[in-house]
Protein backbone atom coordinates (compact mmCIF):
# COMPACT_ATOMS: atom_id res chain seq x y z
CA MET A 1 114.48 93.03 107.12
CA SER A 2 111.06 94.21 108.19
CA GLU A 3 109.49 92.97 111.37
CA LEU A 4 106.75 91.32 109.36
CA GLN A 5 109.29 89.43 107.30
CA SER A 6 111.18 88.27 110.35
CA ILE A 7 107.94 87.08 111.98
CA VAL A 8 106.88 85.25 108.89
CA GLU A 9 110.29 83.68 108.39
CA ASN A 10 110.36 82.46 112.00
CA LEU A 11 106.82 81.03 111.69
CA LEU A 12 107.77 79.35 108.34
CA LYS A 13 110.73 77.69 110.00
CA GLU A 14 108.63 76.72 113.02
CA LYS A 15 105.90 75.24 110.86
CA GLY A 16 108.25 73.52 108.45
CA LYS A 17 106.95 75.48 105.45
CA THR A 18 108.78 77.33 102.70
CA LYS A 19 108.74 80.75 101.11
CA ARG A 20 108.05 79.06 97.84
CA ASP A 21 104.82 77.51 99.20
CA LEU A 22 103.80 80.90 100.72
CA ALA A 23 104.56 82.54 97.36
CA LYS A 24 102.17 80.11 95.62
CA MET A 25 99.46 80.86 98.21
CA LEU A 26 99.87 84.58 97.61
CA LYS A 27 100.09 84.13 93.92
CA VAL A 28 103.34 86.00 93.65
CA LYS A 29 106.69 84.91 92.19
CA GLU A 30 109.01 83.29 94.66
CA ASN A 31 111.70 85.95 94.09
CA SER A 32 109.20 88.74 95.09
CA ILE A 33 108.03 87.23 98.40
CA ASN A 34 110.61 89.34 100.38
CA ARG A 35 109.34 92.52 98.68
CA THR A 36 105.75 91.56 99.50
CA LEU A 37 106.63 91.02 103.22
CA LYS A 38 108.63 94.32 103.32
CA ASN A 39 105.77 96.42 102.01
CA PRO A 40 104.50 98.62 104.84
CA ASN A 41 101.21 98.86 103.07
CA ILE A 42 100.51 95.08 102.72
CA LYS A 43 96.84 94.53 102.09
CA LEU A 44 94.70 92.90 104.81
CA SER A 45 93.71 90.20 102.31
CA LYS A 46 97.43 89.18 101.91
CA LEU A 47 97.97 89.18 105.65
CA SER A 48 94.80 86.97 105.95
CA ILE A 49 96.19 84.44 103.38
CA ILE A 50 99.66 84.50 105.21
CA ALA A 51 97.89 83.85 108.57
CA VAL A 52 95.78 80.96 107.13
CA PHE A 53 98.86 79.41 105.50
CA LEU A 54 100.84 79.62 108.79
CA GLU A 55 97.84 78.54 110.93
CA VAL A 56 97.99 81.67 113.06
CA GLU A 57 95.88 84.69 113.67
CA ILE A 58 96.57 87.94 111.84
CA ILE A 59 97.46 89.64 115.06
CA ASP A 60 100.30 87.10 115.41
CA LEU A 61 101.85 88.53 112.31
CA LEU A 62 101.99 92.10 113.64
CA PRO A 63 105.06 93.49 115.43
CA LYS A 64 104.75 93.36 119.19
CA LYS A 65 105.78 96.38 121.25
CA ASN A 66 108.11 95.72 124.09
CA SER A 67 105.98 96.52 127.08
CA LEU A 68 109.02 96.71 129.48
CA ARG A 69 110.27 99.96 128.01
CA GLU A 70 108.79 103.37 127.65
CA PRO A 71 107.10 103.93 124.33
CA ASP A 72 109.54 105.85 122.08
CA GLU A 73 108.59 108.64 119.73
CA GLU A 74 107.86 106.15 116.92
CA TYR A 75 105.09 104.53 118.96
CA GLN A 76 103.75 107.87 120.17
CA ARG A 77 103.31 109.29 116.63
CA ILE A 78 100.39 108.05 114.50
CA ASN A 79 101.89 106.84 111.25
CA PRO A 80 99.23 106.60 108.54
CA PHE A 81 101.45 104.08 106.66
CA ASP A 82 101.92 101.77 109.70
CA VAL A 83 100.45 98.26 108.99
CA THR A 84 98.38 98.38 112.22
CA ASN A 85 96.75 101.73 111.34
CA GLN A 86 96.34 100.61 107.76
CA LEU A 87 94.49 97.41 109.04
CA THR A 88 92.19 99.61 111.19
CA ILE A 89 91.45 101.90 108.29
CA ASN A 90 90.84 99.00 105.92
CA ASN A 91 88.57 97.28 108.47
CA LEU A 92 86.51 100.37 108.92
CA SER A 93 86.27 101.00 105.19
CA GLU A 94 85.18 97.41 104.65
CA ALA A 95 82.64 97.61 107.44
CA LEU A 96 81.24 100.82 106.05
CA ASN A 97 80.96 99.28 102.60
CA ARG A 98 79.19 96.16 103.94
CA ASN A 99 76.80 98.26 106.09
CA SER A 100 76.02 100.58 103.14
CA LYS A 101 75.14 97.52 100.90
CA THR A 102 73.11 96.07 103.74
CA ILE A 103 71.15 99.27 104.23
CA GLU A 104 70.62 99.50 100.52
CA ASN A 105 69.37 95.95 100.33
CA LEU A 106 67.05 96.45 103.39
CA THR A 107 65.69 99.56 101.74
CA GLN A 108 64.88 97.57 98.55
CA ILE A 109 63.27 94.85 100.61
CA ILE A 110 61.06 97.28 102.50
CA ALA A 111 60.02 99.12 99.26
CA VAL A 112 59.06 95.74 97.69
CA ASN A 113 57.12 94.63 100.76
CA TYR A 114 55.47 98.07 101.07
CA SER A 115 54.36 98.13 97.46
CA ASP A 116 53.04 94.51 97.74
CA LYS A 117 50.98 95.52 100.77
CA MET A 118 49.75 98.64 99.15
CA GLY A 119 49.09 97.21 95.68
């Protein structure tokens, strides 16, 4: 069982909700919900839906490192397939896409305003 799956199952129990309801929210079959939760490359959009469904923040779904022990080799290595790293990469990618579109829109607005003033 993955840490995400364990966290989600505990929250489902705590909130009195079922995997069936979660599967409906995620638009997946009930029998594939465990596979979805075990996926180390789960999409941010799915984590967001799970967080909304469980009435928690996305960060509450991420595994928490035990701060009382020394970080082991697993935590010292950067794993590109780790959910936390993937979230960071996805967030940066989304921000870059939004900024590119914003810059493109602003450029068009400036061009229209400039041509209106000149024409």
